[in-house]
Amino acid sequence: MERARRLENLTSAIFAEIDLLKAKVAKTGKEIINLGIGSPDQPPAKHVQEALLKGVQNLNNYGYPTSRGLSLLRETITHWYKKRFGVSLDPEKETLVLMGSQDGLGHLPLGYLDEGDIALVPDPGYPVYAAGVRLAGGKIYPMPLLKENAFLPDLQAIPEEVARQAKMMILNYPNNPVAAVANYDFFRSVVEFAKKYDILVCHDVAYSELAFDGYKPMSFLEIPGAKDIGVEFHSVSKTYNMAGCRLGFVVGNAEAIDTLACIKSNIDYGVFLPVQEAGIAALTGPQDIVRQNVENYRRRRDLLIEGLAKIGWYVDKPLATMFVWASLPADYTSSVQFARQLLEKTGVVVVPGIAFGGQGEGYVRIALVQEEEIIAKAVQLIGENFKF
């Protein structure tokens, strides 16, 4: 039984190698401090838990849900978007409930890419962006995210012939893994570029609520004309500590929403109703949990970066996300080699930047997903085992 060739590049050997090494190190008795996976370490708010429990106890919730999602949830999403970003949406035509934003990001390319069609994909980028394009048979044209460009793609550097052939562009700000942010002028240039070349823009804005130091991320859809050529993917995972619940949504261009709805109606039956009801509670209820999350991640960010600076490893301080994108210490050139040595010597797990694309080499991604005392311990162990 021969596997399809399309699967060859889906599972990163780097992630698998780190997982194997982590298990090997753990068997020696060394404590593992996992700063790799970006999964919130805190529970959802009490009222969200209660909504989920109530939904589970409702025996009417065990039938097939509607494929587009509960009407009340879609209306809630539109109200939240209007209040948060000032963006008006039609709950029937311009919103779609997803099993997490990754669900939509991975499946939408099936609706727009035929074999060999080009998609503009950030490098480095979250792995599902490239995976969705490859599963659809599309061809990736990488858009380098470089420090000298504030980790924004240089649209003018994309060859004219590539731009004319491209059918999709994927963006993500605030960004995972590089923790960069984008402003109005950049998004305006994206809209102009996409309209000129007839490109569908897919913007992943999962980290819009995790921002620090007074910074407030914007929606790509705030740009006039953005809905003509784009959609935006959002998630309750990071904002409301609901990663395992698998609930997200996509909003924006009605044709693209309908295309994704068509695909999903053929492969799944939608999100478990109690999870959707918990999402309604999260979006409409008290937002204390969001403020608490932001403050937790800010304190952890400061503790990590200031602690590393004291031992000679200087890292830029991000304005948003739950990640730190750290350039390698001067004596290292391989992100895999550094991550391997870090794990073997200290038990601290980080993700090599090369796992997110070729332009990620020279960096590691550190997730702020442990309590402050554990992060402090990680810094201490790094200082005891490395000289910078």
Protein backbone atom coordinates (compact mmCIF):
# COMPACT_ATOMS: atom_id res chain seq x y z
CA MET A 1 0.00 0.00 0.00
CA GLU A 2 1.89 3.04 -1.28
CA ARG A 3 1.16 6.40 0.30
CA ALA A 4 0.35 9.36 -1.93
CA ARG A 5 3.32 11.57 -2.75
CA ARG A 6 1.42 14.62 -1.51
CA LEU A 7 2.09 13.46 2.06
CA GLU A 8 5.86 13.49 1.73
CA ASN A 9 6.38 17.06 2.94
CA LEU A 10 3.55 17.35 5.47
CA THR A 11 5.17 16.04 8.66
CA SER A 12 8.29 17.98 9.51
CA ALA A 13 11.23 15.74 10.36
CA ILE A 14 12.43 18.49 12.68
CA PHE A 15 9.34 18.37 14.88
CA ALA A 16 9.58 14.57 14.99
CA GLU A 17 13.29 14.73 15.90
CA ILE A 18 12.65 17.13 18.78
CA ASP A 19 9.83 14.93 20.08
CA LEU A 20 12.06 11.84 20.03
CA LEU A 21 14.90 13.68 21.73
CA LYS A 22 12.50 15.05 24.35
CA ALA A 23 11.38 11.53 25.21
CA LYS A 24 14.99 10.34 25.34
CA VAL A 25 16.04 13.16 27.67
CA ALA A 26 12.99 12.61 29.90
CA LYS A 27 14.02 8.95 30.37
CA THR A 28 17.30 10.12 31.94
CA GLY A 29 15.30 11.74 34.73
CA LYS A 30 15.92 15.31 33.61
CA GLU A 31 12.93 17.62 34.07
CA ILE A 32 11.46 18.79 30.77
CA ILE A 33 10.44 22.44 30.51
CA ASN A 34 8.31 22.61 27.39
CA LEU A 35 8.43 26.02 25.74
CA GLY A 36 7.73 24.49 22.35
CA ILE A 37 4.07 23.99 21.55
CA GLY A 38 1.91 27.14 21.64
CA SER A 39 -0.94 25.77 23.72
CA PRO A 40 -2.36 27.93 26.55
CA ASP A 41 -1.56 26.52 30.00
CA GLN A 42 -4.53 28.16 31.75
CA PRO A 43 -8.18 26.95 31.75
CA PRO A 44 -11.13 28.79 30.19
CA ALA A 45 -13.11 31.24 32.32
CA LYS A 46 -15.62 29.72 34.74
CA HIS A 47 -18.66 30.97 32.80
CA VAL A 48 -17.30 29.32 29.65
CA GLN A 49 -16.81 26.03 31.47
CA GLU A 50 -20.35 26.27 32.82
CA ALA A 51 -21.78 26.92 29.34
CA LEU A 52 -19.92 23.90 28.00
CA LEU A 53 -21.13 21.70 30.86
CA LYS A 54 -24.72 22.88 30.41
CA GLY A 55 -24.48 22.17 26.69
CA VAL A 56 -23.16 18.66 27.29
CA GLN A 57 -26.04 17.96 29.66
CA ASN A 58 -28.61 19.08 27.06
CA LEU A 59 -29.65 15.85 25.36
CA ASN A 60 -30.87 17.79 22.32
CA ASN A 61 -27.26 18.71 21.50
CA TYR A 62 -26.19 15.28 20.27
CA GLY A 63 -27.59 15.45 16.75
CA TYR A 64 -25.75 16.76 13.72
CA PRO A 65 -25.06 20.50 13.98
CA THR A 66 -25.64 22.78 11.00
CA SER A 67 -22.59 22.89 8.75
CA ARG A 68 -22.33 26.69 8.79
CA GLY A 69 -22.65 26.91 12.56
CA LEU A 70 -25.34 28.07 14.97
CA SER A 71 -27.11 31.22 13.81
CA LEU A 72 -26.68 32.70 17.29
CA LEU A 73 -22.93 32.10 17.19
CA ARG A 74 -22.61 33.68 13.74
CA GLU A 75 -24.60 36.69 14.94
CA THR A 76 -22.38 36.85 18.02
CA ILE A 77 -19.29 36.82 15.82
CA THR A 78 -20.59 39.73 13.75
CA HIS A 79 -21.39 41.75 16.88
CA TRP A 80 -17.92 41.02 18.29
CA TYR A 81 -16.23 42.05 15.02
CA LYS A 82 -18.21 45.27 14.87
CA LYS A 83 -17.38 46.17 18.45
CA ARG A 84 -13.72 45.13 18.26
CA PHE A 85 -12.75 46.27 14.76
CA GLY A 86 -15.63 48.42 13.48
CA VAL A 87 -16.14 45.91 10.65
CA SER A 88 -19.72 45.15 9.56
CA LEU A 89 -20.51 41.57 8.49
CA ASP A 90 -23.53 39.67 7.23
CA PRO A 91 -23.93 36.72 9.64
CA GLU A 92 -25.53 34.56 6.95
CA LYS A 93 -23.18 35.17 4.03
CA GLU A 94 -19.95 36.50 5.51
CA THR A 95 -19.32 34.23 8.51
CA LEU A 96 -18.62 30.52 8.86
CA VAL A 97 -17.95 28.50 12.02
CA LEU A 98 -14.88 26.24 11.92
CA MET A 99 -13.26 23.45 13.93
CA GLY A 100 -10.52 25.89 14.83
CA SER A 101 -9.00 28.35 12.39
CA GLN A 102 -6.55 25.69 11.20
CA ASP A 103 -9.53 23.77 9.80
CA GLY A 104 -10.36 26.60 7.41
CA LEU A 105 -6.77 27.54 6.60
CA GLY A 106 -6.02 23.96 5.65
CA HIS A 107 -9.13 23.43 3.54
CA LEU A 108 -9.74 26.70 1.68
CA PRO A 109 -6.91 26.07 -0.84
CA LEU A 110 -8.92 23.06 -2.07
CA GLY A 111 -11.51 25.51 -3.34
CA TYR A 112 -9.12 27.77 -5.28
CA LEU A 113 -6.01 25.87 -6.29
CA ASP A 114 -5.81 23.37 -9.11
CA GLU A 115 -2.70 21.33 -9.76
CA GLY A 116 0.28 23.65 -10.12
CA ASP A 117 -1.54 26.88 -9.20
CA ILE A 118 0.56 29.34 -7.21
CA ALA A 119 -0.05 30.47 -3.65
CA LEU A 120 2.02 33.18 -1.96
CA VAL A 121 3.00 31.79 1.44
CA PRO A 122 5.05 33.47 4.21
CA ASP A 123 8.48 32.01 5.04
CA PRO A 124 8.79 31.40 7.92
CA GLY A 125 5.14 30.55 8.47
CA TYR A 126 2.78 28.39 10.48
CA PRO A 127 3.03 24.88 8.94
CA VAL A 128 -0.65 24.53 7.95
CA TYR A 129 -0.27 27.33 5.38
CA ALA A 130 2.12 25.28 3.26
CA ALA A 131 0.35 22.01 4.08
CA GLY A 132 -3.01 23.25 2.79
CA VAL A 133 -1.46 24.41 -0.47
CA ARG A 134 0.38 21.12 -0.98
CA LEU A 135 -2.70 19.00 -0.23
CA ALA A 136 -4.59 20.95 -2.87
CA GLY A 137 -1.82 20.29 -5.39
CA GLY A 138 -0.78 23.93 -5.45
CA LYS A 139 2.69 25.37 -5.83
CA ILE A 140 4.21 27.50 -3.07
CA TYR A 141 5.94 30.78 -3.84
CA PRO A 142 7.62 31.75 -0.55
CA MET A 143 7.43 35.35 0.65
CA PRO A 144 10.51 35.88 2.86
CA LEU A 145 9.86 37.51 6.24
CA LEU A 146 13.12 39.27 7.03
CA LYS A 147 14.13 41.29 10.07
CA GLU A 148 15.29 44.17 7.89
CA ASN A 149 11.73 44.44 6.55
CA ALA A 150 10.16 44.22 10.02
CA PHE A 151 9.19 40.63 9.09
CA LEU A 152 6.70 41.89 6.49
CA PRO A 153 6.72 40.44 2.96
CA ASP A 154 8.12 42.72 0.30
CA LEU A 155 5.28 42.67 -2.24
CA GLN A 156 7.32 44.64 -4.77
CA ALA A 157 9.93 41.86 -4.78
CA ILE A 158 7.40 39.34 -6.12
CA PRO A 159 8.07 38.92 -9.86
CA GLU A 160 5.32 40.23 -12.12
CA GLU A 161 4.83 36.84 -13.78
CA VAL A 162 4.43 35.16 -10.39
CA ALA A 163 1.96 37.78 -9.16
CA ARG A 164 -0.16 37.36 -12.31
CA GLN A 165 -0.30 33.60 -11.86
CA ALA A 166 -0.87 33.58 -8.09
CA LYS A 167 -4.39 32.77 -6.89
CA MET A 168 -3.98 33.06 -3.13
CA MET A 169 -1.90 34.94 -0.57
CA ILE A 170 -1.65 33.88 3.08
CA LEU A 171 -0.79 36.41 5.79
CA ASN A 172 -0.65 36.28 9.59
CA TYR A 173 -0.37 39.34 11.84
CA PRO A 174 0.29 39.34 14.73
CA ASN A 175 2.54 36.59 13.44
CA ASN A 176 3.38 33.07 14.47
CA PRO A 177 6.25 32.23 14.66
CA VAL A 178 8.07 35.58 14.28
CA ALA A 179 5.77 37.58 16.64
CA ALA A 180 5.78 40.56 14.25
CA VAL A 181 2.92 43.01 13.73
CA ALA A 182 1.53 44.90 10.74
CA ASN A 183 -0.01 48.36 10.33
CA TYR A 184 -2.67 50.06 8.22
CA ASP A 185 -0.30 51.09 5.44
CA PHE A 186 0.94 47.54 4.96
CA PHE A 187 -2.57 46.09 4.79
CA ARG A 188 -3.62 48.84 2.38
CA SER A 189 -0.75 47.85 0.09
CA VAL A 190 -1.91 44.23 0.31
CA VAL A 191 -5.42 45.17 -0.79
CA GLU A 192 -4.05 47.17 -3.72
CA PHE A 193 -1.75 44.32 -4.73
CA ALA A 194 -4.48 41.68 -4.46
CA LYS A 195 -6.95 43.74 -6.50
CA LYS A 196 -4.35 44.42 -9.19
CA TYR A 197 -3.56 40.72 -9.64
CA ASP A 198 -6.92 39.15 -8.68
CA ILE A 199 -5.58 37.29 -5.63
CA LEU A 200 -7.59 35.94 -2.71
CA VAL A 201 -6.04 37.10 0.58
CA CYS A 202 -6.36 34.79 3.60
CA HIS A 203 -5.39 36.57 6.80
CA ASP A 204 -4.88 34.59 10.00
CA VAL A 205 -5.54 36.91 12.94
CA ALA A 206 -5.63 34.34 15.77
CA TYR A 207 -3.48 36.50 18.07
CA SER A 208 -5.32 39.81 17.73
CA GLU A 209 -6.21 39.93 21.43
CA LEU A 210 -2.79 38.99 22.83
CA ALA A 211 -0.98 42.32 22.54
CA PHE A 212 1.12 44.34 24.97
CA ASP A 213 2.42 47.78 25.86
CA GLY A 214 -0.66 49.59 24.57
CA TYR A 215 -0.51 48.06 21.09
CA LYS A 216 -3.88 47.10 19.60
CA PRO A 217 -3.79 44.89 16.49
CA MET A 218 -6.15 45.73 13.66
CA SER A 219 -8.22 43.61 11.31
CA PHE A 220 -7.19 43.35 7.68
CA LEU A 221 -10.89 43.84 6.88
CA GLU A 222 -10.75 47.40 8.24
CA ILE A 223 -9.12 48.43 4.96
CA PRO A 224 -11.70 49.72 2.42
CA GLY A 225 -12.20 47.10 -0.26
CA ALA A 226 -10.59 44.28 1.74
CA LYS A 227 -13.79 42.23 1.72
CA ASP A 228 -13.75 42.31 -2.07
CA ILE A 229 -10.62 40.15 -2.15
CA GLY A 230 -10.11 38.65 1.28
CA VAL A 231 -11.17 36.65 4.28
CA GLU A 232 -9.94 36.60 7.86
CA PHE A 233 -9.54 33.57 10.12
CA HIS A 234 -10.00 33.85 13.86
CA SER A 235 -9.96 31.48 16.79
CA VAL A 236 -11.13 31.25 20.38
CA SER A 237 -8.18 28.96 21.20
CA LYS A 238 -5.55 31.46 22.29
CA THR A 239 -7.78 34.33 23.41
CA TYR A 240 -10.03 32.26 25.67
CA ASN A 241 -7.79 29.26 26.53
CA MET A 242 -9.96 26.86 24.51
CA ALA A 243 -7.38 25.23 22.24
CA GLY A 244 -8.69 21.70 22.73
CA CYS A 245 -12.29 22.68 22.04
CA ARG A 246 -11.50 23.29 18.36
CA LEU A 247 -13.58 26.34 17.62
CA GLY A 248 -12.79 29.13 15.20
CA PHE A 249 -14.40 31.12 12.42
CA VAL A 250 -13.75 32.81 9.11
CA VAL A 251 -15.29 36.09 8.00
CA GLY A 252 -15.16 38.32 4.96
CA ASN A 253 -15.68 37.74 1.24
CA ALA A 254 -19.03 35.98 0.76
CA GLU A 255 -17.92 33.97 -2.29
CA ALA A 256 -14.87 32.59 -0.49
CA ILE A 257 -16.99 31.82 2.59
CA ASP A 258 -19.46 29.93 0.41
CA THR A 259 -16.63 28.03 -1.27
CA LEU A 260 -15.25 26.88 2.07
CA ALA A 261 -18.74 26.03 3.31
CA CYS A 262 -19.22 23.83 0.23
CA ILE A 263 -15.97 21.97 0.91
CA LYS A 264 -16.77 21.45 4.57
CA SER A 265 -20.32 20.28 3.88
CA ASN A 266 -18.73 17.38 1.99
CA ILE A 267 -16.23 16.37 4.67
CA ASP A 268 -17.71 17.11 8.09
CA TYR A 269 -20.89 18.02 9.95
CA GLY A 270 -19.65 21.05 11.85
CA VAL A 271 -18.69 21.77 15.45
CA PHE A 272 -20.22 19.96 18.44
CA LEU A 273 -23.07 22.17 19.66
CA PRO A 274 -21.91 22.48 23.31
CA VAL A 275 -18.57 23.81 22.04
CA GLN A 276 -20.38 26.42 19.94
CA GLU A 277 -22.44 27.43 22.98
CA ALA A 278 -19.23 27.77 25.00
CA GLY A 279 -17.91 30.02 22.22
CA ILE A 280 -20.97 32.24 22.51
CA ALA A 281 -20.36 32.50 26.25
CA ALA A 282 -16.72 33.39 25.66
CA LEU A 283 -17.45 36.14 23.14
CA THR A 284 -20.42 37.67 25.00
CA GLY A 285 -19.45 37.14 28.63
CA PRO A 286 -17.01 38.97 30.91
CA GLN A 287 -13.66 39.57 29.22
CA ASP A 288 -11.58 39.41 32.40
CA ILE A 289 -9.90 36.22 31.14
CA VAL A 290 -8.56 38.07 28.10
CA ARG A 291 -7.03 40.81 30.23
CA GLN A 292 -5.58 38.19 32.57
CA ASN A 293 -4.05 36.28 29.67
CA VAL A 294 -2.46 39.42 28.25
CA GLU A 295 -0.99 40.34 31.63
CA ASN A 296 0.28 36.79 32.19
CA TYR A 297 2.01 36.64 28.82
CA ARG A 298 3.43 40.14 29.25
CA ARG A 299 4.98 39.26 32.60
CA ARG A 300 6.38 36.03 31.21
CA ARG A 301 7.74 37.85 28.16
CA ASP A 302 9.51 40.42 30.29
CA LEU A 303 10.85 37.81 32.71
CA LEU A 304 12.23 35.70 29.88
CA ILE A 305 13.76 38.48 27.80
CA GLU A 306 15.22 40.42 30.74
CA GLY A 307 16.53 37.20 32.25
CA LEU A 308 18.19 36.13 29.01
CA ALA A 309 19.74 39.58 28.63
CA LYS A 310 21.38 39.23 32.06
CA ILE A 311 23.17 36.08 30.89
CA GLY A 312 24.20 37.64 27.57
CA TRP A 313 21.52 36.38 25.17
CA TYR A 314 19.79 39.45 23.75
CA VAL A 315 16.35 38.92 22.23
CA ASP A 316 13.86 41.40 20.74
CA LYS A 317 10.71 42.06 22.78
CA PRO A 318 7.50 41.35 20.80
CA LEU A 319 4.40 43.55 20.91
CA ALA A 320 1.98 40.63 20.53
CA THR A 321 1.39 36.84 20.48
CA MET A 322 2.43 34.23 23.03
CA PHE A 323 5.81 33.68 21.38
CA VAL A 324 9.32 35.08 21.38
CA TRP A 325 11.30 34.82 18.13
CA ALA A 326 14.87 34.61 19.36
CA SER A 327 17.91 34.97 17.14
CA LEU A 328 20.57 32.37 17.89
CA PRO A 329 23.51 33.23 20.13
CA ALA A 330 26.58 34.35 18.21
CA ASP A 331 28.40 31.00 18.29
CA TYR A 332 25.53 29.11 16.63
CA THR A 333 24.39 28.94 13.02
CA SER A 334 22.07 25.91 13.10
CA SER A 335 18.74 26.29 14.87
CA VAL A 336 18.35 22.50 15.06
CA GLN A 337 21.79 22.07 16.62
CA PHE A 338 21.12 24.79 19.18
CA ALA A 339 17.65 23.45 20.10
CA ARG A 340 19.10 19.95 20.42
CA GLN A 341 21.90 21.09 22.74
CA LEU A 342 19.50 23.24 24.75
CA LEU A 343 17.23 20.25 25.33
CA GLU A 344 20.06 17.84 26.14
CA LYS A 345 21.80 20.19 28.58
CA THR A 346 18.85 21.91 30.27
CA GLY A 347 15.65 20.02 29.43
CA VAL A 348 14.23 23.21 27.89
CA VAL A 349 12.26 22.62 24.69
CA VAL A 350 12.10 25.27 21.97
CA VAL A 351 11.27 24.95 18.27
CA PRO A 352 14.07 25.42 15.72
CA GLY A 353 13.22 28.24 13.35
CA ILE A 354 14.01 26.11 10.31
CA ALA A 355 10.89 24.05 11.14
CA PHE A 356 8.80 27.00 9.89
CA GLY A 357 10.65 27.46 6.59
CA GLY A 358 14.07 28.19 5.21
CA GLN A 359 14.04 31.83 6.35
CA GLY A 360 13.55 30.63 9.93
CA GLU A 361 17.14 29.44 10.12
CA GLY A 362 19.09 31.45 12.66
CA TYR A 363 16.17 31.62 15.12
CA VAL A 364 14.25 29.56 17.64
CA ARG A 365 10.64 30.06 18.72
CA ILE A 366 9.99 30.17 22.46
CA ALA A 367 6.41 29.81 23.68
CA LEU A 368 5.38 31.65 26.85
CA VAL A 369 3.27 28.74 28.06
CA GLN A 370 4.68 28.06 31.54
CA GLU A 371 4.27 29.81 34.86
CA GLU A 372 6.75 32.52 35.76
CA GLU A 373 8.72 30.39 38.21
CA ILE A 374 9.23 27.73 35.53
CA ILE A 375 10.36 30.31 32.98
CA ALA A 376 12.75 31.73 35.58
CA LYS A 377 14.11 28.21 36.14
CA ALA A 378 14.56 27.76 32.40
CA VAL A 379 16.58 30.99 32.22
CA GLN A 380 18.68 29.88 35.18
CA LEU A 381 19.43 26.50 33.58
CA ILE A 382 20.36 28.16 30.28
CA GLY A 383 22.72 30.53 32.12
CA GLU A 384 24.35 27.64 33.98
CA ASN A 385 24.95 25.56 30.86
CA PHE A 386 25.69 28.11 28.13
CA LYS A 387 28.18 30.93 27.78
CA PHE A 388 27.12 33.86 25.62
